[in-house]
Amino acid sequence: MRTFLENFISEEDFADEDDIFELGLVSSLMAMQLVLFVEKTLDIRVESEDLNLDNFRSIDRMDTFMQKVSAPVHG
């Protein structure tokens, strides 16, 4: 995620836990690019209930979200 974001964000000094929206590093258009990146990387479809900005606020949150949606479903 960091490598992907660094291609679009000129601010090179942000931590994995930083809120990239609060810092003004990412726009709403970039948010959609993040969703598309996650879908393409994991070969999944991000469901509408997962289109919550909180899932994409920081690298840490995106990593947690990606682990959750890529985990095998048991049942």
N, C-alpha and C. Protein backbone atom coordinates (compact mmCIF):
# COMPACT_ATOMS: atom_id res chain seq x y z
N MET A 1 0.82 -1.19 0.00
CA MET A 1 0.00 0.00 0.00
C MET A 1 0.87 1.25 0.00
N ARG A 2 1.93 1.23 0.79
CA ARG A 2 2.79 2.42 0.86
C ARG A 2 3.36 2.75 -0.52
N THR A 3 3.85 1.75 -1.22
CA THR A 3 4.43 1.98 -2.55
C THR A 3 3.39 2.56 -3.49
N PHE A 4 2.18 2.02 -3.47
CA PHE A 4 1.10 2.53 -4.31
C PHE A 4 0.82 3.99 -3.98
N LEU A 5 0.67 4.31 -2.69
CA LEU A 5 0.37 5.68 -2.28
C LEU A 5 1.49 6.64 -2.61
N GLU A 6 2.71 6.22 -2.43
CA GLU A 6 3.84 7.11 -2.70
C GLU A 6 3.94 7.49 -4.17
N ASN A 7 3.34 6.72 -5.05
CA ASN A 7 3.30 7.08 -6.47
C ASN A 7 2.39 8.27 -6.72
N PHE A 8 1.45 8.54 -5.80
CA PHE A 8 0.47 9.60 -5.99
C PHE A 8 0.62 10.76 -5.01
N ILE A 9 1.29 10.52 -3.90
CA ILE A 9 1.39 11.53 -2.85
C ILE A 9 2.78 12.13 -2.87
N SER A 10 2.84 13.45 -2.98
CA SER A 10 4.15 14.11 -3.00
C SER A 10 4.75 14.20 -1.61
N GLU A 11 3.92 14.17 -0.59
CA GLU A 11 4.40 14.20 0.79
C GLU A 11 5.03 12.85 1.10
N GLU A 12 6.36 12.84 1.21
CA GLU A 12 7.05 11.57 1.39
C GLU A 12 7.14 11.12 2.83
N ASP A 13 6.81 12.00 3.77
CA ASP A 13 7.03 11.69 5.17
C ASP A 13 5.71 11.53 5.92
N PHE A 14 5.12 10.36 5.83
CA PHE A 14 3.92 10.07 6.61
C PHE A 14 4.03 8.64 7.14
N ALA A 15 3.47 8.45 8.31
CA ALA A 15 3.57 7.15 8.98
C ALA A 15 2.42 6.25 8.58
N ASP A 16 2.60 4.95 8.77
CA ASP A 16 1.56 3.99 8.40
C ASP A 16 0.26 4.21 9.15
N GLU A 17 0.33 4.80 10.34
CA GLU A 17 -0.89 5.02 11.12
C GLU A 17 -1.51 6.40 10.87
N ASP A 18 -0.86 7.25 10.08
CA ASP A 18 -1.39 8.60 9.80
C ASP A 18 -2.66 8.54 8.97
N ASP A 19 -3.62 9.41 9.32
CA ASP A 19 -4.87 9.53 8.58
C ASP A 19 -4.58 10.36 7.33
N ILE A 20 -4.51 9.68 6.19
CA ILE A 20 -4.12 10.34 4.95
C ILE A 20 -5.18 11.32 4.44
N PHE A 21 -6.43 11.14 4.86
CA PHE A 21 -7.49 12.07 4.49
C PHE A 21 -7.42 13.32 5.36
N GLU A 22 -7.24 13.12 6.66
CA GLU A 22 -7.13 14.25 7.59
C GLU A 22 -5.93 15.13 7.25
N LEU A 23 -4.85 14.51 6.81
CA LEU A 23 -3.65 15.26 6.44
C LEU A 23 -3.79 15.94 5.08
N GLY A 24 -4.86 15.64 4.35
CA GLY A 24 -5.08 16.23 3.05
C GLY A 24 -4.21 15.63 1.95
N LEU A 25 -3.71 14.43 2.19
CA LEU A 25 -2.83 13.77 1.22
C LEU A 25 -3.61 13.06 0.12
N VAL A 26 -4.88 12.75 0.40
CA VAL A 26 -5.69 11.96 -0.53
C VAL A 26 -7.05 12.62 -0.73
N SER A 27 -7.49 12.68 -1.97
CA SER A 27 -8.80 13.23 -2.31
C SER A 27 -9.82 12.11 -2.44
N SER A 28 -11.08 12.48 -2.63
CA SER A 28 -12.12 11.46 -2.81
C SER A 28 -11.88 10.66 -4.09
N LEU A 29 -11.35 11.29 -5.11
CA LEU A 29 -11.03 10.57 -6.35
C LEU A 29 -9.93 9.54 -6.10
N MET A 30 -8.95 9.93 -5.32
CA MET A 30 -7.87 9.00 -4.97
C MET A 30 -8.42 7.85 -4.14
N ALA A 31 -9.43 8.11 -3.33
CA ALA A 31 -10.04 7.05 -2.52
C ALA A 31 -10.59 5.96 -3.43
N MET A 32 -11.21 6.35 -4.53
CA MET A 32 -11.72 5.35 -5.47
C MET A 32 -10.58 4.57 -6.11
N GLN A 33 -9.47 5.23 -6.37
CA GLN A 33 -8.30 4.53 -6.92
C GLN A 33 -7.76 3.52 -5.91
N LEU A 34 -7.83 3.86 -4.63
CA LEU A 34 -7.41 2.92 -3.59
C LEU A 34 -8.29 1.68 -3.60
N VAL A 35 -9.60 1.88 -3.71
CA VAL A 35 -10.53 0.75 -3.75
C VAL A 35 -10.23 -0.13 -4.96
N LEU A 36 -10.03 0.48 -6.11
CA LEU A 36 -9.73 -0.28 -7.32
C LEU A 36 -8.41 -1.04 -7.18
N PHE A 37 -7.43 -0.42 -6.55
CA PHE A 37 -6.15 -1.09 -6.31
C PHE A 37 -6.33 -2.32 -5.44
N VAL A 38 -7.10 -2.19 -4.37
CA VAL A 38 -7.36 -3.33 -3.47
C VAL A 38 -8.06 -4.44 -4.24
N GLU A 39 -9.08 -4.08 -5.03
CA GLU A 39 -9.81 -5.09 -5.80
C GLU A 39 -8.89 -5.81 -6.78
N LYS A 40 -8.07 -5.06 -7.47
CA LYS A 40 -7.18 -5.67 -8.47
C LYS A 40 -6.09 -6.52 -7.80
N THR A 41 -5.52 -6.01 -6.72
CA THR A 41 -4.44 -6.71 -6.03
C THR A 41 -4.91 -8.02 -5.44
N LEU A 42 -6.09 -8.01 -4.83
CA LEU A 42 -6.60 -9.21 -4.16
C LEU A 42 -7.54 -10.03 -5.03
N ASP A 43 -7.83 -9.52 -6.23
CA ASP A 43 -8.77 -10.18 -7.13
C ASP A 43 -10.10 -10.43 -6.41
N ILE A 44 -10.61 -9.35 -5.82
CA ILE A 44 -11.89 -9.40 -5.11
C ILE A 44 -12.75 -8.23 -5.56
N ARG A 45 -13.97 -8.23 -5.07
CA ARG A 45 -14.86 -7.07 -5.26
C ARG A 45 -15.12 -6.51 -3.87
N VAL A 46 -14.83 -5.23 -3.69
CA VAL A 46 -15.12 -4.58 -2.41
C VAL A 46 -16.61 -4.30 -2.38
N GLU A 47 -17.28 -4.90 -1.41
CA GLU A 47 -18.73 -4.77 -1.29
C GLU A 47 -19.11 -3.38 -0.78
N SER A 48 -20.32 -2.96 -1.07
CA SER A 48 -20.76 -1.61 -0.69
C SER A 48 -20.67 -1.38 0.81
N GLU A 49 -20.92 -2.41 1.62
CA GLU A 49 -20.83 -2.23 3.08
C GLU A 49 -19.39 -2.02 3.54
N ASP A 50 -18.42 -2.38 2.69
CA ASP A 50 -17.01 -2.19 3.03
C ASP A 50 -16.46 -0.87 2.50
N LEU A 51 -17.28 -0.15 1.73
CA LEU A 51 -16.84 1.14 1.20
C LEU A 51 -16.97 2.22 2.28
N ASN A 52 -16.32 1.96 3.37
CA ASN A 52 -16.32 2.84 4.52
C ASN A 52 -14.96 3.52 4.56
N LEU A 53 -14.96 4.84 4.62
CA LEU A 53 -13.72 5.58 4.61
C LEU A 53 -12.77 5.13 5.71
N ASP A 54 -13.31 4.65 6.82
CA ASP A 54 -12.47 4.19 7.92
C ASP A 54 -11.56 3.03 7.51
N ASN A 55 -11.98 2.24 6.54
CA ASN A 55 -11.14 1.13 6.05
C ASN A 55 -9.93 1.61 5.25
N PHE A 56 -9.95 2.88 4.84
CA PHE A 56 -8.92 3.39 3.94
C PHE A 56 -8.20 4.62 4.48
N ARG A 57 -8.39 4.95 5.75
CA ARG A 57 -7.83 6.17 6.35
C ARG A 57 -6.31 6.15 6.49
N SER A 58 -5.74 4.99 6.66
CA SER A 58 -4.29 4.89 6.87
C SER A 58 -3.79 3.59 6.25
N ILE A 59 -2.50 3.51 6.10
CA ILE A 59 -1.91 2.27 5.58
C ILE A 59 -2.23 1.12 6.52
N ASP A 60 -2.12 1.36 7.82
CA ASP A 60 -2.44 0.30 8.79
C ASP A 60 -3.87 -0.20 8.63
N ARG A 61 -4.82 0.73 8.49
CA ARG A 61 -6.23 0.32 8.34
C ARG A 61 -6.46 -0.40 7.02
N MET A 62 -5.80 0.05 5.96
CA MET A 62 -5.94 -0.64 4.68
C MET A 62 -5.37 -2.05 4.75
N ASP A 63 -4.24 -2.20 5.41
CA ASP A 63 -3.65 -3.53 5.57
C ASP A 63 -4.58 -4.45 6.35
N THR A 64 -5.16 -3.94 7.43
CA THR A 64 -6.11 -4.72 8.23
C THR A 64 -7.32 -5.11 7.39
N PHE A 65 -7.84 -4.15 6.64
CA PHE A 65 -9.00 -4.41 5.78
C PHE A 65 -8.65 -5.46 4.72
N MET A 66 -7.49 -5.34 4.09
CA MET A 66 -7.10 -6.29 3.06
C MET A 66 -6.94 -7.70 3.63
N GLN A 67 -6.41 -7.80 4.83
CA GLN A 67 -6.29 -9.11 5.47
C GLN A 67 -7.67 -9.70 5.75
N LYS A 68 -8.59 -8.85 6.19
CA LYS A 68 -9.95 -9.31 6.50
C LYS A 68 -10.67 -9.84 5.25
N VAL A 69 -10.61 -9.07 4.18
CA VAL A 69 -11.36 -9.47 2.98
C VAL A 69 -10.69 -10.58 2.20
N SER A 70 -9.40 -10.79 2.43
CA SER A 70 -8.72 -11.87 1.71
C SER A 70 -8.67 -13.16 2.51
N ALA A 71 -9.12 -13.12 3.76
CA ALA A 71 -9.12 -14.32 4.60
C ALA A 71 -10.15 -15.31 4.08
N PRO A 72 -9.82 -16.60 4.10
CA PRO A 72 -10.79 -17.61 3.66
C PRO A 72 -12.02 -17.62 4.56
N VAL A 73 -13.15 -17.85 3.95
CA VAL A 73 -14.41 -17.91 4.70
C VAL A 73 -14.62 -19.35 5.14
N HIS A 74 -14.83 -19.54 6.43
CA HIS A 74 -15.09 -20.87 6.98
C HIS A 74 -16.57 -20.99 7.30
N GLY A 75 -17.12 -22.12 6.98
CA GLY A 75 -18.52 -22.29 7.35
C GLY A 75 -19.24 -23.05 6.41
